[in-house]
C-alpha atoms as a PDB file:
ATOM      1  CA  MET A   1       0.059   0.023   0.043  1.00  0.00           C
ATOM      2  CA  LEU A   2       2.988   2.337   0.609  1.00  0.00           C
ATOM      3  CA  SER A   3       4.020   2.116  -2.925  1.00  0.00           C
ATOM      4  CA  ILE A   4       0.484   2.587  -4.159  1.00  0.00           C
ATOM      5  CA  LEU A   5       0.108   5.785  -2.057  1.00  0.00           C
ATOM      6  CA  ARG A   6       3.495   6.985  -3.336  1.00  0.00           C
ATOM      7  CA  ILE A   7       2.570   6.496  -6.941  1.00  0.00           C
ATOM      8  CA  VAL A   8      -0.957   8.091  -6.770  1.00  0.00           C
ATOM      9  CA  VAL A   9       0.539  11.075  -4.949  1.00  0.00           C
ATOM     10  CA  GLY A  10       3.570  11.340  -7.275  1.00  0.00           C
ATOM     11  CA  LEU A  11       1.084  11.218 -10.208  1.00  0.00           C
ATOM     12  CA  LEU A  12      -1.096  14.050  -8.749  1.00  0.00           C
ATOM     13  CA  TYR A  13       1.797  16.303  -7.815  1.00  0.00           C
ATOM     14  CA  PHE A  14       3.336  15.765 -11.237  1.00  0.00           C
ATOM     15  CA  GLU A  15       0.109  16.985 -12.789  1.00  0.00           C
ATOM     16  CA  HIS A  16       0.150  20.133 -10.646  1.00  0.00           C
ATOM     17  CA  GLY A  17       3.821  20.865 -11.942  1.00  0.00           C
ATOM     18  CA  THR A  18       2.874  20.250 -15.786  1.00  0.00           C
ATOM     19  CA  GLN A  19      -0.140  22.457 -15.308  1.00  0.00           C
ATOM     20  CA  LYS A  20       2.269  25.067 -14.099  1.00  0.00           C
ATOM     21  CA  VAL A  21       5.224  24.531 -16.487  1.00  0.00           C
ATOM     22  CA  PHE A  22       3.360  23.220 -19.576  1.00  0.00           C
ATOM     23  CA  ASP A  23      -0.307  24.135 -19.152  1.00  0.00           C
ATOM     24  CA  LEU A  24      -0.982  20.456 -19.250  1.00  0.00           C
ATOM     25  CA  PRO A  25      -3.734  19.606 -18.669  1.00  0.00           C
ATOM     26  CA  PRO A  26      -5.032  22.755 -19.804  1.00  0.00           C
ATOM     27  CA  ALA A  27      -6.209  25.176 -17.054  1.00  0.00           C
ATOM     28  CA  GLY A  28      -8.226  27.347 -19.388  1.00  0.00           C
ATOM     29  CA  GLY A  29      -6.237  30.626 -20.191  1.00  0.00           C
ATOM     30  CA  PRO A  30      -2.627  31.344 -20.081  1.00  0.00           C
ATOM     31  CA  HIS A  31      -1.072  29.557 -16.857  1.00  0.00           C
ATOM     32  CA  VAL A  32       2.306  29.016 -17.873  1.00  0.00           C
ATOM     33  CA  TYR A  33       4.787  30.714 -15.468  1.00  0.00           C
ATOM     34  CA  HIS A  34       8.239  32.132 -15.889  1.00  0.00           C
ATOM     35  CA  LEU A  35      10.484  29.505 -14.912  1.00  0.00           C
ATOM     36  CA  LEU A  36      12.615  31.831 -12.784  1.00  0.00           C
ATOM     37  CA  SER A  37       9.481  32.987 -11.006  1.00  0.00           C
ATOM     38  CA  GLN A  38       8.450  31.579  -7.554  1.00  0.00           C
ATOM     39  CA  THR A  39       5.370  29.748  -9.161  1.00  0.00           C
ATOM     40  CA  GLY A  40       7.804  28.619 -12.080  1.00  0.00           C
ATOM     41  CA  LEU A  41      10.208  27.254  -9.542  1.00  0.00           C
ATOM     42  CA  ALA A  42       7.415  25.451  -7.708  1.00  0.00           C
ATOM     43  CA  GLY A  43       6.231  24.074 -11.049  1.00  0.00           C
ATOM     44  CA  ILE A  44       9.791  22.715 -11.706  1.00  0.00           C
ATOM     45  CA  LEU A  45       9.884  21.125  -8.121  1.00  0.00           C
ATOM     46  CA  GLU A  46       6.328  19.657  -8.718  1.00  0.00           C
ATOM     47  CA  THR A  47       7.096  18.171 -12.119  1.00  0.00           C
ATOM     48  CA  PHE A  48      10.511  16.610 -11.522  1.00  0.00           C
ATOM     49  CA  GLY A  49       9.767  15.854  -7.497  1.00  0.00           C
ATOM     50  CA  GLY A  50       6.493  14.358  -8.821  1.00  0.00           C
ATOM     51  CA  LEU A  51       8.290  12.039 -11.339  1.00  0.00           C
ATOM     52  CA  ALA A  52      10.982  11.039  -8.676  1.00  0.00           C
ATOM     53  CA  ILE A  53       8.244  10.134  -6.168  1.00  0.00           C
ATOM     54  CA  LEU A  54       6.224   8.416  -8.787  1.00  0.00           C
ATOM     55  CA  PHE A  55       9.176   6.143  -9.568  1.00  0.00           C
ATOM     56  CA  GLY A  56      10.382   6.170  -5.952  1.00  0.00           C
ATOM     57  CA  LEU A  57      13.771   7.601  -6.883  1.00  0.00           C
ATOM     58  CA  LEU A  58      15.562   9.311  -4.020  1.00  0.00           C
ATOM     59  CA  THR A  59      12.229   9.072  -2.278  1.00  0.00           C
ATOM     60  CA  ARG A  60      13.167  10.339   1.122  1.00  0.00           C
ATOM     61  CA  PRO A  61      15.352  13.389   0.251  1.00  0.00           C
ATOM     62  CA  VAL A  62      12.860  14.458  -2.539  1.00  0.00           C
ATOM     63  CA  ALA A  63       9.983  13.974  -0.225  1.00  0.00           C
ATOM     64  CA  PHE A  64      11.689  16.299   2.424  1.00  0.00           C
ATOM     65  CA  ILE A  65      12.133  19.112  -0.212  1.00  0.00           C
ATOM     66  CA  LEU A  66       8.648  18.621  -1.415  1.00  0.00           C
ATOM     67  CA  CYS A  67       7.185  18.641   2.138  1.00  0.00           C
ATOM     68  CA  GLY A  68       9.081  21.965   2.668  1.00  0.00           C
ATOM     69  CA  GLU A  69       7.833  23.431  -0.572  1.00  0.00           C
ATOM     70  CA  MET A  70       4.275  22.541   0.542  1.00  0.00           C
ATOM     71  CA  ALA A  71       4.696  24.064   4.180  1.00  0.00           C
ATOM     72  CA  TRP A  72       6.234  27.285   2.366  1.00  0.00           C
ATOM     73  CA  ALA A  73       3.272  27.463   0.026  1.00  0.00           C
ATOM     74  CA  TYR A  74       0.656  27.088   2.684  1.00  0.00           C
ATOM     75  CA  PHE A  75       2.249  29.748   4.865  1.00  0.00           C
ATOM     76  CA  GLN A  76       2.925  32.185   2.053  1.00  0.00           C
ATOM     77  CA  VAL A  77      -0.229  31.960   0.034  1.00  0.00           C
ATOM     78  CA  HIS A  78      -3.052  30.060   1.564  1.00  0.00           C
ATOM     79  CA  ILE A  79      -3.050  30.932   5.338  1.00  0.00           C
ATOM     80  CA  HIS A  80      -3.529  34.720   4.572  1.00  0.00           C
ATOM     81  CA  ARG A  81      -7.086  33.953   3.096  1.00  0.00           C
ATOM     82  CA  SER A  82      -8.312  32.132   6.122  1.00  0.00           C
ATOM     83  CA  VAL A  83      -6.984  30.014   9.192  1.00  0.00           C
ATOM     84  CA  PHE A  84      -9.016  26.924   7.943  1.00  0.00           C
ATOM     85  CA  PRO A  85      -7.489  24.966   5.036  1.00  0.00           C
ATOM     86  CA  ILE A  86     -11.025  24.126   3.751  1.00  0.00           C
ATOM     87  CA  ASN A  87     -11.729  27.992   3.506  1.00  0.00           C
ATOM     88  CA  ASN A  88      -8.285  28.963   2.106  1.00  0.00           C
ATOM     89  CA  ARG A  89      -7.963  26.262  -0.556  1.00  0.00           C
ATOM     90  CA  GLY A  90      -5.032  24.881   1.094  1.00  0.00           C
ATOM     91  CA  ASP A  91      -6.359  21.378   1.942  1.00  0.00           C
ATOM     92  CA  ASN A  92      -4.531  19.697  -0.674  1.00  0.00           C
ATOM     93  CA  VAL A  93      -1.391  21.564   0.081  1.00  0.00           C
ATOM     94  CA  VAL A  94      -1.726  20.293   3.713  1.00  0.00           C
ATOM     95  CA  SER A  95      -2.502  16.730   2.488  1.00  0.00           C
ATOM     96  CA  PHE A  96       0.676  16.775   0.127  1.00  0.00           C
ATOM     97  CA  CYS A  97       2.800  18.160   2.965  1.00  0.00           C
ATOM     98  CA  PHE A  98       1.800  15.585   5.422  1.00  0.00           C
ATOM     99  CA  VAL A  99       2.042  12.656   2.897  1.00  0.00           C
ATOM    100  CA  PHE A 100       5.752  13.768   1.945  1.00  0.00           C
ATOM    101  CA  LEU A 101       6.517  13.874   5.500  1.00  0.00           C
ATOM    102  CA  TYR A 102       5.425  10.259   5.949  1.00  0.00           C
ATOM    103  CA  LEU A 103       7.545   9.248   2.879  1.00  0.00           C
ATOM    104  CA  VAL A 104      10.563  11.064   4.325  1.00  0.00           C
ATOM    105  CA  PHE A 105      10.392   8.256   7.098  1.00  0.00           C
ATOM    106  CA  ALA A 106       8.715   5.298   5.450  1.00  0.00           C
ATOM    107  CA  GLY A 107      10.802   5.480   2.173  1.00  0.00           C
ATOM    108  CA  GLY A 108       9.490   4.302  -1.277  1.00  0.00           C
ATOM    109  CA  GLY A 109       8.123   1.021  -0.612  1.00  0.00           C
ATOM    110  CA  SER A 110       9.022  -2.288  -2.260  1.00  0.00           C
ATOM    111  CA  TRP A 111       7.871  -0.998  -5.677  1.00  0.00           C
ATOM    112  CA  SER A 112      10.542   1.747  -6.105  1.00  0.00           C
ATOM    113  CA  ILE A 113      13.595   2.444  -7.728  1.00  0.00           C
ATOM    114  CA  ASP A 114      15.165   2.894  -4.419  1.00  0.00           C
ATOM    115  CA  SER A 115      14.100  -0.590  -3.432  1.00  0.00           C
ATOM    116  CA  VAL A 116      15.757  -2.176  -6.524  1.00  0.00           C
ATOM    117  CA  ILE A 117      18.908  -0.210  -5.887  1.00  0.00           C
ATOM    118  CA  ALA A 118      19.058  -1.465  -2.145  1.00  0.00           C
ATOM    119  CA  ARG A 119      18.275  -5.022  -3.283  1.00  0.00           C
ATOM    120  CA  SER A 120      21.019  -4.902  -5.799  1.00  0.00           C
ATOM    121  CA  LYS A 121      23.541  -3.394  -3.257  1.00  0.00           C
ATOM    122  CA  ARG A 122      22.641  -6.145  -0.719  1.00  0.00           C
ATOM    123  CA  ARG A 123      23.270  -8.831  -3.470  1.00  0.00           C
ATOM    124  CA  GLY A 124      26.579  -7.248  -4.386  1.00  0.00           C
ATOM    125  CA  LEU A 125      27.581  -7.180  -0.798  1.00  0.00           C
ATOM    126  CA  SER A 126      26.568 -10.636   0.081  1.00  0.00           C
ATOM    127  CA  GLY A 127      28.386 -11.847  -3.119  1.00  0.00           C
ATOM    128  CA  THR A 128      31.781 -10.291  -1.881  1.00  0.00           C
ATOM    129  CA  LEU A 129      31.364 -11.589   1.641  1.00  0.00           C
ATOM    130  CA  THR A 130      30.831 -15.155   0.472  1.00  0.00           C
ATOM    131  CA  GLY A 131      32.986 -15.104  -2.697  1.00  0.00           C
END
């Protein structure tokens, strides 16, 4: 289930990024941001971070960065509208933040590139110890 959670969240996050960077899926109107703007940087983090989370590559450090990005977004953008996430449209930001925080500690799960790398390192290590 950890891997399924990571994959679904990675896809959703990737979609947020591609909408900011490429306007895909189209948001209705010009919503592509200058890449060196704060929103453009967020789009880059969301696109490439979402892909890394989707595939489970460097899950813990990427999730740490994305958790921080979501905390920053909440306190910079959303909290000024209202204290309540449902009213300030920040409920998805809070959800992403805490899922990423969970992934920092839980890792990518068994269906991840991180897991494949760890298994190959263990096999390589056990081969040198017994060989």
